[in-house]
Amino acid sequence: MTNNDIFKKLRVALMLRDDQIVEILELVDFRITKSELGAFFRDEKHENYMECGDQVLRNFLNGLVIHLRGTKENPKNPNDVLAKHKAEIPVKDGFKARVEFKPAPKTDFKKKPASNAKSRDKKPTPKVQVVEKVKYNNGKK
């Protein structure tokens, strides 16, 4: 996996736009333009493709730590920062807002609570035998 692949996956996972990435890199005093940044995200076969060096990725990761966690003097909650990114994403016309997945509460199937008094008063019905008892003699007397 190349540095470009790592950079692309982080960009998608954290829902970052190019201008946000430029701001993150400026937190560690690393200047880069949007066009240079776009060259990292291009296909390898494209004529303007550029390999992302170790220095660029290292500075991005260091800036990302500062962006998400803040500094010692001014700490931030990373979940709040990510929620802010998510809120900034515009919703296209005709699309519904993304619904968060909430798992259904687990139920205990072993215990069955009595739903009402009538069910407790009823006598159990006798089991009806569906299959009759059959004696096989396999042709022997």
N, C-alpha and C. Protein backbone atom coordinates (compact mmCIF):
# COMPACT_ATOMS: atom_id res chain seq x y z
N MET A 1 0.85 -1.17 0.00
CA MET A 1 0.00 0.00 0.00
C MET A 1 0.90 1.24 0.00
N THR A 2 0.61 2.14 -0.89
CA THR A 2 1.44 3.33 -1.03
C THR A 2 0.95 4.44 -0.11
N ASN A 3 1.75 5.49 0.00
CA ASN A 3 1.35 6.65 0.79
C ASN A 3 0.10 7.29 0.20
N ASN A 4 -0.02 7.27 -1.12
CA ASN A 4 -1.20 7.84 -1.77
C ASN A 4 -2.46 7.09 -1.34
N ASP A 5 -2.38 5.76 -1.28
CA ASP A 5 -3.53 4.96 -0.87
C ASP A 5 -3.93 5.28 0.57
N ILE A 6 -2.94 5.40 1.44
CA ILE A 6 -3.21 5.72 2.85
C ILE A 6 -3.86 7.10 2.96
N PHE A 7 -3.33 8.05 2.22
CA PHE A 7 -3.85 9.42 2.23
C PHE A 7 -5.30 9.43 1.74
N LYS A 8 -5.59 8.71 0.64
CA LYS A 8 -6.95 8.65 0.09
C LYS A 8 -7.91 8.03 1.10
N LYS A 9 -7.51 6.94 1.73
CA LYS A 9 -8.40 6.25 2.67
C LYS A 9 -8.68 7.12 3.91
N LEU A 10 -7.68 7.84 4.39
CA LEU A 10 -7.90 8.73 5.53
C LEU A 10 -8.84 9.88 5.14
N ARG A 11 -8.66 10.37 3.94
CA ARG A 11 -9.51 11.47 3.46
C ARG A 11 -10.97 11.04 3.41
N VAL A 12 -11.23 9.84 2.90
CA VAL A 12 -12.60 9.35 2.79
C VAL A 12 -13.15 9.00 4.16
N ALA A 13 -12.36 8.32 4.98
CA ALA A 13 -12.84 7.87 6.29
C ALA A 13 -13.18 9.05 7.20
N LEU A 14 -12.40 10.11 7.12
CA LEU A 14 -12.63 11.27 7.99
C LEU A 14 -13.49 12.34 7.33
N MET A 15 -13.94 12.07 6.10
CA MET A 15 -14.82 13.00 5.35
C MET A 15 -14.19 14.39 5.25
N LEU A 16 -12.96 14.45 4.76
CA LEU A 16 -12.24 15.72 4.65
C LEU A 16 -12.27 16.23 3.23
N ARG A 17 -12.43 17.54 3.09
CA ARG A 17 -12.33 18.19 1.79
C ARG A 17 -10.91 18.69 1.60
N ASP A 18 -10.59 19.08 0.37
CA ASP A 18 -9.22 19.53 0.08
C ASP A 18 -8.84 20.75 0.92
N ASP A 19 -9.76 21.70 1.07
CA ASP A 19 -9.42 22.90 1.84
C ASP A 19 -9.20 22.57 3.32
N GLN A 20 -9.91 21.56 3.83
CA GLN A 20 -9.69 21.15 5.21
C GLN A 20 -8.31 20.49 5.37
N ILE A 21 -7.91 19.72 4.37
CA ILE A 21 -6.59 19.07 4.42
C ILE A 21 -5.49 20.13 4.38
N VAL A 22 -5.68 21.17 3.56
CA VAL A 22 -4.69 22.26 3.50
C VAL A 22 -4.59 22.94 4.86
N GLU A 23 -5.73 23.16 5.53
CA GLU A 23 -5.71 23.78 6.86
C GLU A 23 -5.00 22.88 7.89
N ILE A 24 -5.24 21.57 7.78
CA ILE A 24 -4.59 20.64 8.70
C ILE A 24 -3.08 20.66 8.51
N LEU A 25 -2.63 20.72 7.26
CA LEU A 25 -1.19 20.77 7.01
C LEU A 25 -0.58 22.09 7.47
N GLU A 26 -1.37 23.17 7.45
CA GLU A 26 -0.86 24.46 7.92
C GLU A 26 -0.69 24.49 9.44
N LEU A 27 -1.38 23.58 10.15
CA LEU A 27 -1.21 23.52 11.61
C LEU A 27 0.21 23.14 12.00
N VAL A 28 0.90 22.41 11.12
CA VAL A 28 2.29 22.02 11.39
C VAL A 28 3.25 22.79 10.48
N ASP A 29 2.81 23.95 10.01
CA ASP A 29 3.62 24.84 9.16
C ASP A 29 4.11 24.15 7.89
N PHE A 30 3.23 23.40 7.25
CA PHE A 30 3.55 22.76 5.97
C PHE A 30 2.58 23.33 4.95
N ARG A 31 3.12 24.08 3.98
CA ARG A 31 2.29 24.75 2.98
C ARG A 31 2.18 23.87 1.74
N ILE A 32 0.94 23.71 1.25
CA ILE A 32 0.68 22.95 0.03
C ILE A 32 -0.56 23.54 -0.62
N THR A 33 -0.60 23.53 -1.95
CA THR A 33 -1.76 24.07 -2.66
C THR A 33 -2.77 22.97 -2.93
N LYS A 34 -4.00 23.38 -3.28
CA LYS A 34 -5.04 22.40 -3.58
C LYS A 34 -4.71 21.60 -4.83
N SER A 35 -4.06 22.22 -5.79
CA SER A 35 -3.73 21.50 -7.02
C SER A 35 -2.66 20.44 -6.77
N GLU A 36 -1.67 20.76 -5.91
CA GLU A 36 -0.68 19.75 -5.55
C GLU A 36 -1.33 18.61 -4.78
N LEU A 37 -2.27 18.96 -3.94
CA LEU A 37 -2.99 17.96 -3.16
C LEU A 37 -3.85 17.08 -4.08
N GLY A 38 -4.47 17.68 -5.07
CA GLY A 38 -5.29 16.92 -6.02
C GLY A 38 -4.46 15.93 -6.82
N ALA A 39 -3.19 16.24 -7.04
CA ALA A 39 -2.32 15.33 -7.79
C ALA A 39 -2.09 14.03 -7.02
N PHE A 40 -2.14 14.10 -5.69
CA PHE A 40 -1.96 12.88 -4.89
C PHE A 40 -3.15 11.94 -5.02
N PHE A 41 -4.34 12.51 -5.23
CA PHE A 41 -5.56 11.71 -5.26
C PHE A 41 -5.93 11.23 -6.66
N ARG A 42 -5.14 11.55 -7.65
CA ARG A 42 -5.43 11.12 -9.02
C ARG A 42 -5.07 9.64 -9.21
N ASP A 43 -5.55 9.10 -10.35
CA ASP A 43 -5.21 7.73 -10.72
C ASP A 43 -3.73 7.67 -11.11
N GLU A 44 -3.10 6.53 -10.86
CA GLU A 44 -1.67 6.39 -11.16
C GLU A 44 -1.36 6.56 -12.64
N LYS A 45 -2.32 6.28 -13.50
CA LYS A 45 -2.10 6.38 -14.95
C LYS A 45 -2.28 7.80 -15.48
N HIS A 46 -2.80 8.69 -14.65
CA HIS A 46 -3.06 10.06 -15.09
C HIS A 46 -1.73 10.80 -15.26
N GLU A 47 -1.69 11.71 -16.22
CA GLU A 47 -0.42 12.41 -16.51
C GLU A 47 -0.01 13.36 -15.39
N ASN A 48 -0.96 13.89 -14.61
CA ASN A 48 -0.63 14.81 -13.52
C ASN A 48 -0.52 14.13 -12.16
N TYR A 49 -0.47 12.80 -12.15
CA TYR A 49 -0.35 12.04 -10.90
C TYR A 49 1.01 12.33 -10.27
N MET A 50 1.01 12.45 -8.95
CA MET A 50 2.27 12.69 -8.24
C MET A 50 2.28 11.78 -7.01
N GLU A 51 3.41 11.17 -6.74
CA GLU A 51 3.51 10.30 -5.57
C GLU A 51 3.59 11.14 -4.31
N CYS A 52 2.89 10.67 -3.28
CA CYS A 52 2.91 11.35 -1.99
C CYS A 52 4.14 10.87 -1.24
N GLY A 53 4.99 11.80 -0.89
CA GLY A 53 6.22 11.44 -0.18
C GLY A 53 5.97 11.18 1.30
N ASP A 54 6.96 10.62 1.94
CA ASP A 54 6.86 10.35 3.37
C ASP A 54 6.69 11.63 4.19
N GLN A 55 7.35 12.68 3.75
CA GLN A 55 7.31 13.94 4.48
C GLN A 55 5.89 14.52 4.48
N VAL A 56 5.20 14.47 3.33
CA VAL A 56 3.85 15.01 3.24
C VAL A 56 2.90 14.21 4.14
N LEU A 57 2.97 12.90 4.05
CA LEU A 57 2.09 12.06 4.86
C LEU A 57 2.38 12.22 6.35
N ARG A 58 3.67 12.30 6.71
CA ARG A 58 4.04 12.47 8.11
C ARG A 58 3.50 13.79 8.65
N ASN A 59 3.64 14.87 7.88
CA ASN A 59 3.13 16.17 8.32
C ASN A 59 1.61 16.18 8.39
N PHE A 60 0.95 15.47 7.47
CA PHE A 60 -0.51 15.39 7.52
C PHE A 60 -0.96 14.66 8.79
N LEU A 61 -0.31 13.55 9.12
CA LEU A 61 -0.69 12.79 10.31
C LEU A 61 -0.44 13.60 11.58
N ASN A 62 0.67 14.32 11.64
CA ASN A 62 0.95 15.16 12.81
C ASN A 62 -0.07 16.29 12.92
N GLY A 63 -0.43 16.89 11.79
CA GLY A 63 -1.45 17.94 11.79
C GLY A 63 -2.82 17.40 12.14
N LEU A 64 -3.09 16.17 11.72
CA LEU A 64 -4.38 15.55 12.01
C LEU A 64 -4.55 15.31 13.52
N VAL A 65 -3.46 14.94 14.17
CA VAL A 65 -3.50 14.76 15.63
C VAL A 65 -3.84 16.08 16.31
N ILE A 66 -3.21 17.15 15.88
CA ILE A 66 -3.48 18.47 16.46
C ILE A 66 -4.91 18.90 16.13
N HIS A 67 -5.35 18.63 14.91
CA HIS A 67 -6.70 19.02 14.48
C HIS A 67 -7.77 18.30 15.29
N LEU A 68 -7.60 17.01 15.53
CA LEU A 68 -8.61 16.23 16.23
C LEU A 68 -8.52 16.37 17.75
N ARG A 69 -7.32 16.29 18.30
CA ARG A 69 -7.15 16.30 19.75
C ARG A 69 -6.93 17.69 20.32
N GLY A 70 -6.44 18.59 19.50
CA GLY A 70 -6.09 19.91 19.99
C GLY A 70 -4.69 19.90 20.59
N THR A 71 -4.35 20.97 21.28
CA THR A 71 -3.05 21.07 21.93
C THR A 71 -3.21 20.83 23.43
N LYS A 72 -2.08 20.80 24.14
CA LYS A 72 -2.15 20.61 25.60
C LYS A 72 -2.90 21.77 26.25
N GLU A 73 -2.67 22.97 25.75
CA GLU A 73 -3.30 24.15 26.34
C GLU A 73 -4.77 24.25 25.97
N ASN A 74 -5.13 23.73 24.78
CA ASN A 74 -6.50 23.86 24.28
C ASN A 74 -6.97 22.51 23.73
N PRO A 75 -7.28 21.54 24.62
CA PRO A 75 -7.69 20.21 24.12
C PRO A 75 -9.09 20.22 23.52
N LYS A 76 -9.31 19.28 22.58
CA LYS A 76 -10.61 19.14 21.91
C LYS A 76 -11.08 17.69 22.06
N ASN A 77 -12.36 17.50 21.86
CA ASN A 77 -12.93 16.16 21.83
C ASN A 77 -12.98 15.72 20.37
N PRO A 78 -12.29 14.64 19.98
CA PRO A 78 -12.26 14.21 18.58
C PRO A 78 -13.65 13.91 18.01
N ASN A 79 -14.56 13.39 18.83
CA ASN A 79 -15.90 13.09 18.34
C ASN A 79 -16.65 14.35 17.93
N ASP A 80 -16.43 15.44 18.66
CA ASP A 80 -17.06 16.71 18.30
C ASP A 80 -16.53 17.22 16.97
N VAL A 81 -15.24 17.08 16.76
CA VAL A 81 -14.63 17.55 15.51
C VAL A 81 -15.17 16.74 14.33
N LEU A 82 -15.25 15.42 14.49
CA LEU A 82 -15.76 14.57 13.41
C LEU A 82 -17.23 14.84 13.15
N ALA A 83 -18.02 15.10 14.19
CA ALA A 83 -19.43 15.42 14.02
C ALA A 83 -19.58 16.74 13.26
N LYS A 84 -18.68 17.67 13.51
CA LYS A 84 -18.72 18.96 12.80
C LYS A 84 -18.44 18.75 11.31
N HIS A 85 -17.47 17.86 10.99
CA HIS A 85 -17.18 17.55 9.58
C HIS A 85 -18.40 16.94 8.91
N LYS A 86 -19.05 16.04 9.62
CA LYS A 86 -20.21 15.35 9.06
C LYS A 86 -21.36 16.32 8.81
N ALA A 87 -21.52 17.29 9.70
CA ALA A 87 -22.59 18.27 9.56
C ALA A 87 -22.34 19.22 8.40
N GLU A 88 -21.08 19.43 8.03
CA GLU A 88 -20.75 20.35 6.95
C GLU A 88 -20.98 19.76 5.56
N ILE A 89 -21.18 18.44 5.48
CA ILE A 89 -21.38 17.80 4.18
C ILE A 89 -22.77 18.15 3.68
N PRO A 90 -22.87 18.77 2.49
CA PRO A 90 -24.18 19.15 1.99
C PRO A 90 -24.98 17.93 1.51
N VAL A 91 -26.31 17.99 1.71
CA VAL A 91 -27.19 16.91 1.26
C VAL A 91 -27.71 17.29 -0.12
N LYS A 92 -27.57 16.37 -1.08
CA LYS A 92 -28.00 16.63 -2.44
C LYS A 92 -29.51 16.55 -2.54
N ASP A 93 -30.07 17.26 -3.53
CA ASP A 93 -31.51 17.23 -3.74
C ASP A 93 -31.96 15.84 -4.13
N GLY A 94 -33.08 15.41 -3.60
CA GLY A 94 -33.62 14.10 -3.93
C GLY A 94 -33.10 12.99 -3.05
N PHE A 95 -32.13 13.26 -2.22
CA PHE A 95 -31.58 12.25 -1.33
C PHE A 95 -32.07 12.50 0.08
N LYS A 96 -32.40 11.42 0.75
CA LYS A 96 -32.80 11.54 2.15
C LYS A 96 -31.56 11.63 3.02
N ALA A 97 -31.74 12.17 4.19
CA ALA A 97 -30.62 12.25 5.12
C ALA A 97 -30.24 10.84 5.55
N ARG A 98 -28.98 10.65 5.77
CA ARG A 98 -28.48 9.33 6.15
C ARG A 98 -28.99 8.98 7.55
N VAL A 99 -29.58 7.80 7.65
CA VAL A 99 -30.13 7.34 8.92
C VAL A 99 -29.06 6.54 9.65
N GLU A 100 -28.88 6.88 10.91
CA GLU A 100 -27.90 6.16 11.72
C GLU A 100 -28.42 4.78 12.05
N PHE A 101 -27.55 3.80 12.04
CA PHE A 101 -27.92 2.42 12.37
C PHE A 101 -28.00 2.28 13.87
N LYS A 102 -29.15 1.80 14.34
CA LYS A 102 -29.32 1.53 15.76
C LYS A 102 -29.75 0.08 15.90
N PRO A 103 -28.95 -0.75 16.54
CA PRO A 103 -29.32 -2.15 16.68
C PRO A 103 -30.55 -2.30 17.57
N ALA A 104 -31.35 -3.31 17.25
CA ALA A 104 -32.55 -3.57 18.02
C ALA A 104 -32.15 -4.10 19.40
N PRO A 105 -32.94 -3.78 20.41
CA PRO A 105 -32.59 -4.28 21.74
C PRO A 105 -32.72 -5.80 21.78
N LYS A 106 -31.79 -6.41 22.50
CA LYS A 106 -31.78 -7.85 22.58
C LYS A 106 -32.87 -8.31 23.54
N THR A 107 -33.56 -9.37 23.15
CA THR A 107 -34.60 -9.93 24.01
C THR A 107 -34.16 -11.30 24.48
N ASP A 108 -34.60 -11.65 25.66
CA ASP A 108 -34.25 -12.94 26.23
C ASP A 108 -35.37 -13.91 25.88
N PHE A 109 -35.07 -14.88 25.03
CA PHE A 109 -36.08 -15.82 24.57
C PHE A 109 -36.33 -16.94 25.57
N LYS A 110 -35.50 -17.09 26.56
CA LYS A 110 -35.66 -18.17 27.52
C LYS A 110 -36.82 -17.89 28.48
N LYS A 111 -36.96 -16.66 28.89
CA LYS A 111 -38.00 -16.28 29.83
C LYS A 111 -39.16 -15.68 29.06
N LYS A 112 -40.36 -16.20 29.31
CA LYS A 112 -41.55 -15.64 28.68
C LYS A 112 -42.43 -15.07 29.79
N PRO A 113 -42.56 -13.77 29.84
CA PRO A 113 -43.41 -13.20 30.87
C PRO A 113 -44.88 -13.44 30.55
N ALA A 114 -45.69 -13.62 31.56
CA ALA A 114 -47.12 -13.79 31.35
C ALA A 114 -47.70 -12.46 30.95
N SER A 115 -48.36 -12.42 29.80
CA SER A 115 -48.87 -11.16 29.29
C SER A 115 -50.16 -10.75 29.97
N ASN A 116 -51.01 -11.73 30.35
CA ASN A 116 -52.23 -11.38 31.06
C ASN A 116 -52.68 -12.55 31.92
N ALA A 117 -53.72 -12.34 32.72
CA ALA A 117 -54.18 -13.36 33.67
C ALA A 117 -54.84 -14.54 32.97
N LYS A 118 -55.46 -14.32 31.81
CA LYS A 118 -56.16 -15.39 31.10
C LYS A 118 -55.20 -16.50 30.70
N SER A 119 -54.00 -16.15 30.29
CA SER A 119 -53.06 -17.17 29.85
C SER A 119 -52.60 -18.06 31.01
N ARG A 120 -52.61 -17.53 32.23
CA ARG A 120 -52.20 -18.33 33.39
C ARG A 120 -53.32 -19.28 33.83
N ASP A 121 -54.59 -18.90 33.61
CA ASP A 121 -55.71 -19.71 34.07
C ASP A 121 -56.01 -20.89 33.15
N LYS A 122 -55.57 -20.84 31.91
CA LYS A 122 -55.87 -21.90 30.96
C LYS A 122 -55.10 -23.17 31.30
N LYS A 123 -55.77 -24.30 31.09
CA LYS A 123 -55.11 -25.59 31.28
C LYS A 123 -54.38 -25.93 30.00
N PRO A 124 -53.23 -26.57 30.10
CA PRO A 124 -52.51 -26.92 28.87
C PRO A 124 -53.31 -27.94 28.06
N THR A 125 -53.32 -27.71 26.76
CA THR A 125 -54.04 -28.63 25.88
C THR A 125 -53.21 -29.88 25.67
N PRO A 126 -53.86 -31.06 25.64
CA PRO A 126 -53.09 -32.29 25.43
C PRO A 126 -52.53 -32.34 24.02
N LYS A 127 -51.35 -32.93 23.89
CA LYS A 127 -50.69 -33.03 22.58
C LYS A 127 -51.43 -34.05 21.73
N VAL A 128 -51.66 -33.70 20.50
CA VAL A 128 -52.31 -34.61 19.56
C VAL A 128 -51.21 -35.30 18.78
N GLN A 129 -51.30 -36.63 18.73
CA GLN A 129 -50.29 -37.37 18.00
C GLN A 129 -50.60 -37.29 16.52
N VAL A 130 -49.66 -36.74 15.77
CA VAL A 130 -49.87 -36.55 14.35
C VAL A 130 -49.59 -37.85 13.60
N VAL A 131 -48.58 -38.55 14.00
CA VAL A 131 -48.20 -39.79 13.33
C VAL A 131 -48.63 -40.96 14.21
N GLU A 132 -49.32 -41.90 13.59
CA GLU A 132 -49.75 -43.08 14.35
C GLU A 132 -48.57 -44.02 14.53
N LYS A 133 -48.67 -44.83 15.55
CA LYS A 133 -47.63 -45.81 15.76
C LYS A 133 -47.81 -46.91 14.73
N VAL A 134 -46.78 -47.18 14.00
CA VAL A 134 -46.82 -48.19 12.94
C VAL A 134 -45.82 -49.28 13.28
N LYS A 135 -46.26 -50.51 13.07
CA LYS A 135 -45.38 -51.63 13.34
C LYS A 135 -44.91 -52.18 11.99
N TYR A 136 -43.61 -52.23 11.84
CA TYR A 136 -43.04 -52.76 10.61
C TYR A 136 -42.61 -54.19 10.86
N ASN A 137 -42.91 -55.07 9.91
CA ASN A 137 -42.47 -56.45 10.10
C ASN A 137 -41.46 -56.85 9.03
N ASN A 138 -41.17 -56.01 8.12
CA ASN A 138 -40.16 -56.23 7.08
C ASN A 138 -40.30 -57.59 6.38
N GLY A 139 -41.51 -57.99 6.19
CA GLY A 139 -41.77 -59.25 5.46
C GLY A 139 -41.58 -60.49 6.30
N LYS A 140 -41.29 -60.32 7.57
CA LYS A 140 -41.12 -61.48 8.44
C LYS A 140 -42.42 -61.74 9.18
N LYS A 141 -42.64 -62.98 9.53
CA LYS A 141 -43.84 -63.33 10.28
C LYS A 141 -43.59 -63.27 11.76
